[in-house]
Amino acid sequence: MSVDLDNVKKIAKLSKISLKESEGKKFLTDLNQIIGWVDQLTEVNTEEVAPTFSSFGADEAIKKRNDTVNDGGYREDVISNAPKSDEGFFLVPKVID
């Protein structure tokens, strides 16, 4: 698989990125190089490799913390930075009619 200049222009348009012609050509080269590296992965023999859920072994399991509600104790400090507030809530301008 490879990418042509039209694909690069389409990706740039969808991403809302303006590209000069020289930049488009550079991205074309870079994208084709990346796709080439990814294509190399199809050559790797993975038949005897078991699928993994995590890269951590069972003895290296991620320690989970208790899921407890904590407001941080900084409510007044945070609200004091707001330009406008009322009864502990931020006041913001109306954005939808």
C-alpha atoms as a PDB file:
ATOM      1  CA  MET A   1       0.000   0.000   0.000  1.00  0.00           C
ATOM      2  CA  SER A   2       1.167   3.506  -0.694  1.00  0.00           C
ATOM      3  CA  VAL A   3      -0.156   7.037  -0.521  1.00  0.00           C
ATOM      4  CA  ASP A   4      -0.206   9.500  -3.407  1.00  0.00           C
ATOM      5  CA  LEU A   5      -0.235  13.297  -3.339  1.00  0.00           C
ATOM      6  CA  ASP A   6      -4.031  13.370  -3.763  1.00  0.00           C
ATOM      7  CA  ASN A   7      -4.386  11.278  -0.579  1.00  0.00           C
ATOM      8  CA  VAL A   8      -2.113  13.667   1.314  1.00  0.00           C
ATOM      9  CA  LYS A   9      -4.151  16.655   0.121  1.00  0.00           C
ATOM     10  CA  LYS A  10      -7.396  14.922   1.126  1.00  0.00           C
ATOM     11  CA  ILE A  11      -6.034  14.081   4.595  1.00  0.00           C
ATOM     12  CA  ALA A  12      -4.860  17.675   5.011  1.00  0.00           C
ATOM     13  CA  LYS A  13      -8.265  19.006   3.960  1.00  0.00           C
ATOM     14  CA  LEU A  14     -10.115  16.680   6.350  1.00  0.00           C
ATOM     15  CA  SER A  15      -7.711  17.710   9.123  1.00  0.00           C
ATOM     16  CA  LYS A  16      -8.201  21.405   8.304  1.00  0.00           C
ATOM     17  CA  ILE A  17      -4.453  21.776   7.667  1.00  0.00           C
ATOM     18  CA  SER A  18      -3.206  24.045   4.901  1.00  0.00           C
ATOM     19  CA  LEU A  19      -0.216  22.595   3.074  1.00  0.00           C
ATOM     20  CA  LYS A  20       2.176  24.139   0.602  1.00  0.00           C
ATOM     21  CA  GLU A  21       3.121  21.948  -2.356  1.00  0.00           C
ATOM     22  CA  SER A  22       6.597  21.306  -0.899  1.00  0.00           C
ATOM     23  CA  GLU A  23       5.101  20.330   2.471  1.00  0.00           C
ATOM     24  CA  GLY A  24       2.694  17.950   0.761  1.00  0.00           C
ATOM     25  CA  LYS A  25       5.584  16.216  -0.981  1.00  0.00           C
ATOM     26  CA  LYS A  26       7.492  15.890   2.309  1.00  0.00           C
ATOM     27  CA  PHE A  27       4.432  14.417   4.043  1.00  0.00           C
ATOM     28  CA  LEU A  28       3.965  12.069   1.092  1.00  0.00           C
ATOM     29  CA  THR A  29       7.488  10.739   1.573  1.00  0.00           C
ATOM     30  CA  ASP A  30       7.078  10.478   5.350  1.00  0.00           C
ATOM     31  CA  LEU A  31       3.693   8.731   5.169  1.00  0.00           C
ATOM     32  CA  ASN A  32       4.927   6.200   2.624  1.00  0.00           C
ATOM     33  CA  GLN A  33       7.932   5.484   4.835  1.00  0.00           C
ATOM     34  CA  ILE A  34       5.678   4.922   7.869  1.00  0.00           C
ATOM     35  CA  ILE A  35       3.360   2.667   5.867  1.00  0.00           C
ATOM     36  CA  GLY A  36       6.407   0.707   4.700  1.00  0.00           C
ATOM     37  CA  TRP A  37       7.495   0.134   8.293  1.00  0.00           C
ATOM     38  CA  VAL A  38       4.004  -1.010   9.253  1.00  0.00           C
ATOM     39  CA  ASP A  39       3.920  -3.351   6.246  1.00  0.00           C
ATOM     40  CA  GLN A  40       7.117  -4.973   7.552  1.00  0.00           C
ATOM     41  CA  LEU A  41       5.147  -6.146  10.587  1.00  0.00           C
ATOM     42  CA  THR A  42       3.210  -8.564   8.360  1.00  0.00           C
ATOM     43  CA  GLU A  43       6.473 -10.460   7.829  1.00  0.00           C
ATOM     44  CA  VAL A  44       6.909 -11.214  11.541  1.00  0.00           C
ATOM     45  CA  ASN A  45       6.088 -14.819  12.471  1.00  0.00           C
ATOM     46  CA  THR A  46       3.675 -14.674  15.408  1.00  0.00           C
ATOM     47  CA  GLU A  47       2.180 -18.173  15.150  1.00  0.00           C
ATOM     48  CA  GLU A  48       3.557 -19.396  18.479  1.00  0.00           C
ATOM     49  CA  VAL A  49       3.056 -16.111  20.311  1.00  0.00           C
ATOM     50  CA  ALA A  50       0.047 -16.091  22.606  1.00  0.00           C
ATOM     51  CA  PRO A  51      -2.227 -13.054  22.429  1.00  0.00           C
ATOM     52  CA  THR A  52      -1.749 -10.723  25.368  1.00  0.00           C
ATOM     53  CA  PHE A  53      -4.148  -8.534  27.249  1.00  0.00           C
ATOM     54  CA  SER A  54      -1.404  -6.573  28.957  1.00  0.00           C
ATOM     55  CA  SER A  55       2.325  -6.179  28.627  1.00  0.00           C
ATOM     56  CA  PHE A  56       2.625  -6.621  32.407  1.00  0.00           C
ATOM     57  CA  GLY A  57       3.108 -10.127  33.769  1.00  0.00           C
ATOM     58  CA  ALA A  58       0.915 -11.501  36.541  1.00  0.00           C
ATOM     59  CA  ASP A  59       3.631 -10.733  39.099  1.00  0.00           C
ATOM     60  CA  GLU A  60       3.875  -7.151  37.803  1.00  0.00           C
ATOM     61  CA  ALA A  61       0.150  -6.408  37.933  1.00  0.00           C
ATOM     62  CA  ILE A  62      -0.770  -2.769  38.107  1.00  0.00           C
ATOM     63  CA  LYS A  63      -1.662  -1.741  41.610  1.00  0.00           C
ATOM     64  CA  LYS A  64      -5.156  -0.296  41.680  1.00  0.00           C
ATOM     65  CA  ARG A  65      -6.199   2.392  44.095  1.00  0.00           C
ATOM     66  CA  ASN A  66      -9.562   2.495  45.802  1.00  0.00           C
ATOM     67  CA  ASP A  67     -12.110   4.460  43.819  1.00  0.00           C
ATOM     68  CA  THR A  68     -13.126   7.055  46.372  1.00  0.00           C
ATOM     69  CA  VAL A  69     -14.691  10.462  45.867  1.00  0.00           C
ATOM     70  CA  ASN A  70     -12.285  13.259  46.718  1.00  0.00           C
ATOM     71  CA  ASP A  71     -12.933  16.908  45.908  1.00  0.00           C
ATOM     72  CA  GLY A  72      -9.338  17.813  46.664  1.00  0.00           C
ATOM     73  CA  GLY A  73     -10.273  20.365  49.296  1.00  0.00           C
ATOM     74  CA  TYR A  74      -9.533  23.280  46.977  1.00  0.00           C
ATOM     75  CA  ARG A  75     -13.043  24.391  46.042  1.00  0.00           C
ATOM     76  CA  GLU A  76     -12.761  27.909  47.466  1.00  0.00           C
ATOM     77  CA  ASP A  77      -9.312  28.411  45.922  1.00  0.00           C
ATOM     78  CA  VAL A  78     -10.586  27.325  42.514  1.00  0.00           C
ATOM     79  CA  ILE A  79     -13.769  29.416  42.678  1.00  0.00           C
ATOM     80  CA  SER A  80     -11.763  32.477  43.788  1.00  0.00           C
ATOM     81  CA  ASN A  81      -9.964  32.421  40.412  1.00  0.00           C
ATOM     82  CA  ALA A  82     -13.218  32.657  38.447  1.00  0.00           C
ATOM     83  CA  PRO A  83     -14.205  36.073  37.090  1.00  0.00           C
ATOM     84  CA  LYS A  84     -17.804  35.438  38.198  1.00  0.00           C
ATOM     85  CA  SER A  85     -19.288  32.891  40.587  1.00  0.00           C
ATOM     86  CA  ASP A  86     -22.464  32.367  42.583  1.00  0.00           C
ATOM     87  CA  GLU A  87     -22.929  30.038  45.561  1.00  0.00           C
ATOM     88  CA  GLY A  88     -19.814  28.029  44.693  1.00  0.00           C
ATOM     89  CA  PHE A  89     -20.579  27.659  40.971  1.00  0.00           C
ATOM     90  CA  PHE A  90     -18.894  29.247  37.960  1.00  0.00           C
ATOM     91  CA  LEU A  91     -20.978  31.793  36.069  1.00  0.00           C
ATOM     92  CA  VAL A  92     -20.310  31.768  32.340  1.00  0.00           C
ATOM     93  CA  PRO A  93     -21.822  33.722  29.450  1.00  0.00           C
ATOM     94  CA  LYS A  94     -24.656  32.110  27.512  1.00  0.00           C
ATOM     95  CA  VAL A  95     -23.281  30.476  24.365  1.00  0.00           C
ATOM     96  CA  ILE A  96     -26.407  28.899  22.843  1.00  0.00           C
ATOM     97  CA  ASP A  97     -29.622  30.756  22.053  1.00  0.00           C
END
